[in-house]
């Protein structure tokens, strides 16, 4: 049951927090972003939310645990691939001129996804341990 709650937390945090944070003036309504970039931003937000809704449905109504954990991992993995490949497309963890918390010197978005990733990893370990017992 612990893995079910951890995956729920990860699906919610990985989809809802980006909607809250990224629909403001720093992302979706950033005047420096061109119109096409905004389409991709909405696409990403809706895709991640859709993945989370499907994952939560499977987790709580169909009572399957592993597939929702993998779906959550896809959201997390996508974020970290974007971070790791930033040098390839001149990306930044925090936009220029944007004030954002940096816990332990780590940009808040990366720090949050590190926590989410750790929780999801623990959830998957619990599932795998339960499966081998």
N, C-alpha and C. Protein backbone atom coordinates (compact mmCIF):
# COMPACT_ATOMS: atom_id res chain seq x y z
N UNK A 1 0.82 -1.20 0.00
CA UNK A 1 0.00 0.00 0.00
C UNK A 1 0.87 1.26 0.00
N UNK A 2 2.05 1.18 0.61
CA UNK A 2 2.94 2.33 0.63
C UNK A 2 3.32 2.76 -0.77
N UNK A 3 3.60 1.80 -1.65
CA UNK A 3 3.99 2.14 -3.02
C UNK A 3 2.83 2.83 -3.74
N UNK A 4 1.62 2.45 -3.43
CA UNK A 4 0.45 3.07 -4.05
C UNK A 4 0.37 4.55 -3.68
N UNK A 5 0.59 4.86 -2.42
CA UNK A 5 0.56 6.25 -1.98
C UNK A 5 1.73 7.05 -2.55
N UNK A 6 2.92 6.43 -2.58
CA UNK A 6 4.08 7.13 -3.13
C UNK A 6 3.87 7.44 -4.62
N UNK A 7 3.37 6.49 -5.37
CA UNK A 7 3.12 6.72 -6.79
C UNK A 7 2.05 7.79 -6.97
N UNK A 8 1.03 7.78 -6.13
CA UNK A 8 -0.01 8.82 -6.19
C UNK A 8 0.60 10.20 -6.00
N UNK A 9 1.43 10.33 -4.99
CA UNK A 9 2.10 11.61 -4.71
C UNK A 9 2.93 12.04 -5.91
N UNK A 10 3.67 11.11 -6.48
CA UNK A 10 4.55 11.44 -7.61
C UNK A 10 3.75 11.84 -8.85
N UNK A 11 2.68 11.12 -9.13
CA UNK A 11 1.84 11.48 -10.28
C UNK A 11 1.24 12.87 -10.11
N UNK A 12 0.77 13.16 -8.92
CA UNK A 12 0.16 14.47 -8.66
C UNK A 12 1.20 15.58 -8.73
N UNK A 13 2.32 15.39 -8.03
CA UNK A 13 3.36 16.43 -8.03
C UNK A 13 3.96 16.64 -9.41
N UNK A 14 4.18 15.55 -10.14
CA UNK A 14 4.81 15.65 -11.45
C UNK A 14 3.92 16.24 -12.53
N UNK A 15 2.63 16.34 -12.25
CA UNK A 15 1.73 16.89 -13.26
C UNK A 15 1.06 18.20 -12.82
N UNK A 16 0.68 18.31 -11.58
CA UNK A 16 -0.05 19.50 -11.12
C UNK A 16 0.88 20.68 -10.84
N UNK A 17 2.00 20.44 -10.17
CA UNK A 17 2.91 21.55 -9.86
C UNK A 17 3.42 22.23 -11.13
N UNK A 18 3.82 21.49 -12.17
CA UNK A 18 4.21 22.18 -13.40
C UNK A 18 3.08 23.02 -14.01
N UNK A 19 1.84 22.57 -13.89
CA UNK A 19 0.73 23.38 -14.41
C UNK A 19 0.64 24.69 -13.63
N UNK A 20 0.77 24.61 -12.32
CA UNK A 20 0.68 25.81 -11.48
C UNK A 20 1.84 26.76 -11.78
N UNK A 21 3.05 26.21 -11.84
CA UNK A 21 4.24 27.04 -12.01
C UNK A 21 4.39 27.53 -13.46
N UNK A 22 4.11 26.67 -14.42
CA UNK A 22 4.45 26.98 -15.81
C UNK A 22 3.36 27.68 -16.61
N UNK A 23 2.22 27.99 -15.98
CA UNK A 23 1.19 28.73 -16.71
C UNK A 23 1.24 30.23 -16.39
N UNK A 24 2.29 30.66 -15.77
CA UNK A 24 2.44 32.07 -15.44
C UNK A 24 3.31 32.82 -16.44
N UNK A 25 3.80 33.97 -16.01
CA UNK A 25 4.59 34.85 -16.88
C UNK A 25 6.00 34.32 -17.17
N UNK A 26 6.45 33.31 -16.43
CA UNK A 26 7.79 32.78 -16.68
C UNK A 26 7.83 31.75 -17.80
N UNK A 27 6.68 31.20 -18.13
CA UNK A 27 6.64 30.16 -19.16
C UNK A 27 5.57 30.47 -20.21
N UNK A 28 4.38 29.96 -20.00
CA UNK A 28 3.33 30.01 -21.01
C UNK A 28 3.01 31.44 -21.46
N UNK A 29 2.96 32.37 -20.53
CA UNK A 29 2.63 33.75 -20.87
C UNK A 29 3.85 34.67 -20.87
N UNK A 30 5.02 34.08 -21.04
CA UNK A 30 6.25 34.84 -21.14
C UNK A 30 6.27 35.57 -22.48
N UNK A 31 6.39 36.88 -22.44
CA UNK A 31 6.35 37.67 -23.68
C UNK A 31 7.54 37.39 -24.59
N UNK A 32 8.61 36.82 -24.04
CA UNK A 32 9.78 36.50 -24.86
C UNK A 32 9.63 35.17 -25.59
N UNK A 33 8.64 34.39 -25.24
CA UNK A 33 8.42 33.11 -25.93
C UNK A 33 7.63 33.36 -27.20
N UNK A 34 8.02 32.68 -28.28
CA UNK A 34 7.21 32.83 -29.50
C UNK A 34 5.97 31.94 -29.39
N UNK A 35 5.04 32.16 -30.27
CA UNK A 35 3.75 31.48 -30.23
C UNK A 35 3.88 29.97 -30.34
N UNK A 36 4.82 29.51 -31.16
CA UNK A 36 4.99 28.07 -31.34
C UNK A 36 5.52 27.40 -30.07
N UNK A 37 6.39 28.08 -29.35
CA UNK A 37 6.90 27.54 -28.08
C UNK A 37 5.76 27.33 -27.09
N UNK A 38 4.80 28.22 -27.11
CA UNK A 38 3.66 28.12 -26.20
C UNK A 38 2.81 26.89 -26.51
N UNK A 39 2.67 26.58 -27.80
CA UNK A 39 1.94 25.36 -28.19
C UNK A 39 2.62 24.14 -27.58
N UNK A 40 3.93 24.08 -27.66
CA UNK A 40 4.66 22.94 -27.09
C UNK A 40 4.53 22.88 -25.58
N UNK A 41 4.49 24.03 -24.94
CA UNK A 41 4.33 24.06 -23.48
C UNK A 41 2.97 23.52 -23.07
N UNK A 42 1.91 23.96 -23.74
CA UNK A 42 0.58 23.44 -23.42
C UNK A 42 0.51 21.95 -23.71
N UNK A 43 1.10 21.54 -24.80
CA UNK A 43 1.15 20.12 -25.17
C UNK A 43 1.79 19.31 -24.05
N UNK A 44 2.94 19.77 -23.54
CA UNK A 44 3.65 19.06 -22.47
C UNK A 44 2.81 19.01 -21.20
N UNK A 45 2.21 20.14 -20.84
CA UNK A 45 1.42 20.17 -19.61
C UNK A 45 0.21 19.24 -19.70
N UNK A 46 -0.48 19.26 -20.83
CA UNK A 46 -1.67 18.42 -21.00
C UNK A 46 -1.26 16.95 -21.09
N UNK A 47 -0.17 16.66 -21.77
CA UNK A 47 0.30 15.27 -21.88
C UNK A 47 0.65 14.72 -20.50
N UNK A 48 1.40 15.48 -19.72
CA UNK A 48 1.77 15.00 -18.38
C UNK A 48 0.55 14.85 -17.49
N UNK A 49 -0.39 15.78 -17.58
CA UNK A 49 -1.62 15.67 -16.79
C UNK A 49 -2.42 14.44 -17.23
N UNK A 50 -2.50 14.21 -18.52
CA UNK A 50 -3.24 13.04 -19.03
C UNK A 50 -2.60 11.73 -18.57
N UNK A 51 -1.27 11.67 -18.62
CA UNK A 51 -0.56 10.49 -18.13
C UNK A 51 -0.87 10.27 -16.65
N UNK A 52 -0.87 11.36 -15.88
CA UNK A 52 -1.15 11.26 -14.44
C UNK A 52 -2.58 10.79 -14.18
N UNK A 53 -3.55 11.33 -14.91
CA UNK A 53 -4.95 10.93 -14.72
C UNK A 53 -5.12 9.45 -15.05
N UNK A 54 -4.56 9.01 -16.16
CA UNK A 54 -4.65 7.59 -16.52
C UNK A 54 -3.97 6.73 -15.45
N UNK A 55 -2.78 7.17 -15.01
CA UNK A 55 -2.07 6.43 -13.96
C UNK A 55 -2.86 6.33 -12.68
N UNK A 56 -3.48 7.45 -12.26
CA UNK A 56 -4.27 7.44 -11.03
C UNK A 56 -5.51 6.55 -11.18
N UNK A 57 -6.11 6.58 -12.34
CA UNK A 57 -7.27 5.72 -12.58
C UNK A 57 -6.87 4.25 -12.48
N UNK A 58 -5.81 3.87 -13.15
CA UNK A 58 -5.35 2.48 -13.12
C UNK A 58 -4.96 2.08 -11.69
N UNK A 59 -4.32 3.00 -11.00
CA UNK A 59 -3.85 2.72 -9.64
C UNK A 59 -5.00 2.53 -8.65
N UNK A 60 -5.99 3.42 -8.69
CA UNK A 60 -7.02 3.42 -7.66
C UNK A 60 -8.31 2.69 -8.06
N UNK A 61 -8.61 2.62 -9.36
CA UNK A 61 -9.85 1.97 -9.77
C UNK A 61 -9.64 0.56 -10.32
N UNK A 62 -8.48 0.33 -10.89
CA UNK A 62 -8.18 -1.01 -11.40
C UNK A 62 -7.24 -1.76 -10.45
N UNK A 63 -6.69 -1.04 -9.49
CA UNK A 63 -5.82 -1.60 -8.46
C UNK A 63 -4.55 -2.28 -9.00
N UNK A 64 -4.04 -1.74 -10.11
CA UNK A 64 -2.74 -2.16 -10.61
C UNK A 64 -1.72 -1.14 -10.13
N UNK A 65 -0.56 -1.60 -9.73
CA UNK A 65 0.42 -0.68 -9.16
C UNK A 65 1.64 -0.45 -10.05
N UNK A 66 2.06 -1.46 -10.80
CA UNK A 66 3.32 -1.32 -11.52
C UNK A 66 3.21 -0.36 -12.71
N UNK A 67 2.17 -0.49 -13.53
CA UNK A 67 2.03 0.39 -14.70
C UNK A 67 1.93 1.86 -14.29
N UNK A 68 1.15 2.24 -13.30
CA UNK A 68 1.14 3.64 -12.88
C UNK A 68 2.52 4.13 -12.41
N UNK A 69 3.26 3.25 -11.75
CA UNK A 69 4.62 3.62 -11.33
C UNK A 69 5.50 3.90 -12.54
N UNK A 70 5.34 3.10 -13.59
CA UNK A 70 6.11 3.31 -14.81
C UNK A 70 5.66 4.59 -15.51
N UNK A 71 4.37 4.86 -15.54
CA UNK A 71 3.87 6.10 -16.14
C UNK A 71 4.42 7.32 -15.40
N UNK A 72 4.44 7.25 -14.08
CA UNK A 72 5.01 8.33 -13.29
C UNK A 72 6.50 8.50 -13.60
N UNK A 73 7.18 7.39 -13.73
CA UNK A 73 8.61 7.42 -14.06
C UNK A 73 8.83 8.08 -15.42
N UNK A 74 7.92 7.88 -16.37
CA UNK A 74 8.04 8.51 -17.69
C UNK A 74 8.01 10.04 -17.57
N UNK A 75 7.14 10.56 -16.72
CA UNK A 75 7.09 12.02 -16.52
C UNK A 75 8.40 12.50 -15.93
N UNK A 76 8.88 11.80 -14.92
CA UNK A 76 10.13 12.17 -14.24
C UNK A 76 11.31 12.03 -15.20
N UNK A 77 11.36 10.93 -15.92
CA UNK A 77 12.44 10.66 -16.86
C UNK A 77 12.47 11.74 -17.94
N UNK A 78 11.31 12.12 -18.45
CA UNK A 78 11.24 13.18 -19.46
C UNK A 78 11.85 14.48 -18.97
N UNK A 79 11.55 14.83 -17.72
CA UNK A 79 12.12 16.05 -17.15
C UNK A 79 13.64 15.96 -17.10
N UNK A 80 14.17 14.85 -16.60
CA UNK A 80 15.62 14.74 -16.46
C UNK A 80 16.34 14.63 -17.80
N UNK A 81 15.71 14.04 -18.79
CA UNK A 81 16.31 14.04 -20.13
C UNK A 81 16.41 15.48 -20.64
N UNK A 82 15.35 16.27 -20.40
CA UNK A 82 15.38 17.68 -20.80
C UNK A 82 16.51 18.42 -20.09
N UNK A 83 16.71 18.15 -18.80
CA UNK A 83 17.77 18.81 -18.04
C UNK A 83 19.16 18.37 -18.53
N UNK A 84 19.34 17.08 -18.70
CA UNK A 84 20.64 16.55 -19.11
C UNK A 84 21.04 17.05 -20.50
N UNK A 85 20.06 17.22 -21.37
CA UNK A 85 20.37 17.62 -22.75
C UNK A 85 20.33 19.14 -22.96
N UNK A 86 20.19 19.92 -21.89
CA UNK A 86 20.14 21.39 -22.04
C UNK A 86 21.31 21.95 -22.85
N UNK A 87 22.53 21.44 -22.69
CA UNK A 87 23.63 21.99 -23.50
C UNK A 87 23.42 21.82 -25.01
N UNK A 88 22.66 20.83 -25.41
CA UNK A 88 22.43 20.60 -26.84
C UNK A 88 21.52 21.63 -27.47
N UNK A 89 20.64 22.25 -26.67
CA UNK A 89 19.70 23.21 -27.23
C UNK A 89 19.74 24.56 -26.51
N UNK A 90 20.86 24.82 -25.82
CA UNK A 90 21.05 26.08 -25.07
C UNK A 90 19.94 26.33 -24.05
N UNK A 91 19.51 25.27 -23.36
CA UNK A 91 18.48 25.40 -22.35
C UNK A 91 19.04 25.88 -21.02
N UNK A 92 18.17 26.37 -20.19
CA UNK A 92 18.52 26.83 -18.85
C UNK A 92 17.55 26.24 -17.85
N UNK A 93 18.05 25.90 -16.67
CA UNK A 93 17.18 25.38 -15.61
C UNK A 93 16.24 26.46 -15.09
N UNK A 94 16.71 27.69 -15.09
CA UNK A 94 15.91 28.84 -14.67
C UNK A 94 16.10 29.91 -15.73
N UNK A 95 15.00 30.48 -16.21
CA UNK A 95 15.08 31.51 -17.23
C UNK A 95 15.82 32.74 -16.74
N UNK A 96 16.42 33.46 -17.67
CA UNK A 96 17.17 34.67 -17.33
C UNK A 96 16.26 35.70 -16.68
N UNK A 97 16.73 36.26 -15.56
CA UNK A 97 15.98 37.29 -14.86
C UNK A 97 14.86 36.78 -13.97
N UNK A 98 14.70 35.47 -13.90
CA UNK A 98 13.63 34.89 -13.09
C UNK A 98 14.20 34.53 -11.71
N UNK A 99 13.56 35.03 -10.68
CA UNK A 99 13.97 34.73 -9.32
C UNK A 99 13.25 33.47 -8.87
N UNK A 100 14.00 32.46 -8.52
CA UNK A 100 13.42 31.19 -8.09
C UNK A 100 14.27 30.65 -6.95
N UNK A 101 13.65 29.99 -5.98
CA UNK A 101 14.43 29.41 -4.88
C UNK A 101 15.44 28.39 -5.40
N UNK A 102 16.56 28.32 -4.70
CA UNK A 102 17.60 27.36 -5.02
C UNK A 102 17.99 26.59 -3.77
N UNK A 103 17.15 25.65 -3.32
CA UNK A 103 17.52 24.90 -2.11
C UNK A 103 18.82 24.13 -2.32
N UNK A 104 19.74 24.32 -1.40
CA UNK A 104 21.06 23.68 -1.44
C UNK A 104 21.80 24.02 -2.73
N UNK A 105 21.51 25.18 -3.32
CA UNK A 105 22.16 25.61 -4.54
C UNK A 105 21.65 24.91 -5.79
N UNK A 106 20.54 24.19 -5.67
CA UNK A 106 19.95 23.46 -6.80
C UNK A 106 18.68 24.20 -7.22
N UNK A 107 18.51 24.47 -8.53
CA UNK A 107 17.26 25.11 -8.96
C UNK A 107 16.04 24.34 -8.44
N UNK A 108 15.02 25.08 -8.04
CA UNK A 108 13.85 24.47 -7.38
C UNK A 108 13.19 23.38 -8.23
N UNK A 109 13.11 23.59 -9.55
CA UNK A 109 12.46 22.57 -10.38
C UNK A 109 13.26 21.27 -10.38
N UNK A 110 14.57 21.38 -10.47
CA UNK A 110 15.42 20.17 -10.43
C UNK A 110 15.35 19.53 -9.06
N UNK A 111 15.39 20.34 -8.00
CA UNK A 111 15.31 19.81 -6.64
C UNK A 111 14.00 19.06 -6.42
N UNK A 112 12.88 19.65 -6.86
CA UNK A 112 11.58 19.00 -6.70
C UNK A 112 11.54 17.67 -7.44
N UNK A 113 12.01 17.67 -8.69
CA UNK A 113 11.98 16.42 -9.45
C UNK A 113 12.96 15.39 -8.92
N UNK A 114 14.03 15.83 -8.24
CA UNK A 114 14.91 14.87 -7.56
C UNK A 114 14.15 14.17 -6.43
N UNK A 115 13.36 14.94 -5.69
CA UNK A 115 12.55 14.36 -4.61
C UNK A 115 11.50 13.42 -5.19
N UNK A 116 10.78 13.89 -6.22
CA UNK A 116 9.76 13.04 -6.85
C UNK A 116 10.39 11.76 -7.39
N UNK A 117 11.53 11.90 -8.05
CA UNK A 117 12.22 10.73 -8.60
C UNK A 117 12.64 9.75 -7.53
N UNK A 118 13.12 10.27 -6.41
CA UNK A 118 13.53 9.41 -5.29
C UNK A 118 12.32 8.67 -4.72
N UNK A 119 11.22 9.38 -4.53
CA UNK A 119 10.01 8.74 -4.01
C UNK A 119 9.51 7.65 -4.96
N UNK A 120 9.54 7.95 -6.28
CA UNK A 120 9.07 6.95 -7.23
C UNK A 120 10.00 5.75 -7.29
N UNK A 121 11.30 5.99 -7.16
CA UNK A 121 12.26 4.89 -7.13
C UNK A 121 12.01 3.99 -5.92
N UNK A 122 11.75 4.60 -4.77
CA UNK A 122 11.44 3.83 -3.56
C UNK A 122 10.16 3.01 -3.78
N UNK A 123 9.17 3.64 -4.41
CA UNK A 123 7.91 2.95 -4.69
C UNK A 123 8.14 1.71 -5.57
N UNK A 124 8.94 1.87 -6.60
CA UNK A 124 9.22 0.74 -7.50
C UNK A 124 10.02 -0.34 -6.77
N UNK A 125 10.97 0.06 -5.93
CA UNK A 125 11.71 -0.93 -5.14
C UNK A 125 10.78 -1.73 -4.25
N UNK A 126 9.82 -1.05 -3.62
CA UNK A 126 8.83 -1.75 -2.77
C UNK A 126 8.03 -2.76 -3.62
N UNK A 127 7.60 -2.32 -4.79
CA UNK A 127 6.83 -3.21 -5.67
C UNK A 127 7.65 -4.42 -6.09
N UNK A 128 8.91 -4.20 -6.45
CA UNK A 128 9.77 -5.29 -6.88
C UNK A 128 10.08 -6.24 -5.73
N UNK A 129 10.29 -5.69 -4.54
CA UNK A 129 10.54 -6.54 -3.38
C UNK A 129 9.32 -7.39 -3.05
N UNK A 130 8.15 -6.77 -3.14
CA UNK A 130 6.90 -7.49 -2.87
C UNK A 130 6.68 -8.61 -3.89
N UNK A 131 7.08 -8.34 -5.13
CA UNK A 131 6.90 -9.34 -6.19
C UNK A 131 7.82 -10.54 -6.01
N UNK A 132 9.02 -10.32 -5.45
CA UNK A 132 9.96 -11.43 -5.25
C UNK A 132 9.67 -12.23 -3.99
N UNK A 133 8.83 -11.71 -3.12
CA UNK A 133 8.50 -12.44 -1.88
C UNK A 133 7.37 -13.42 -2.09
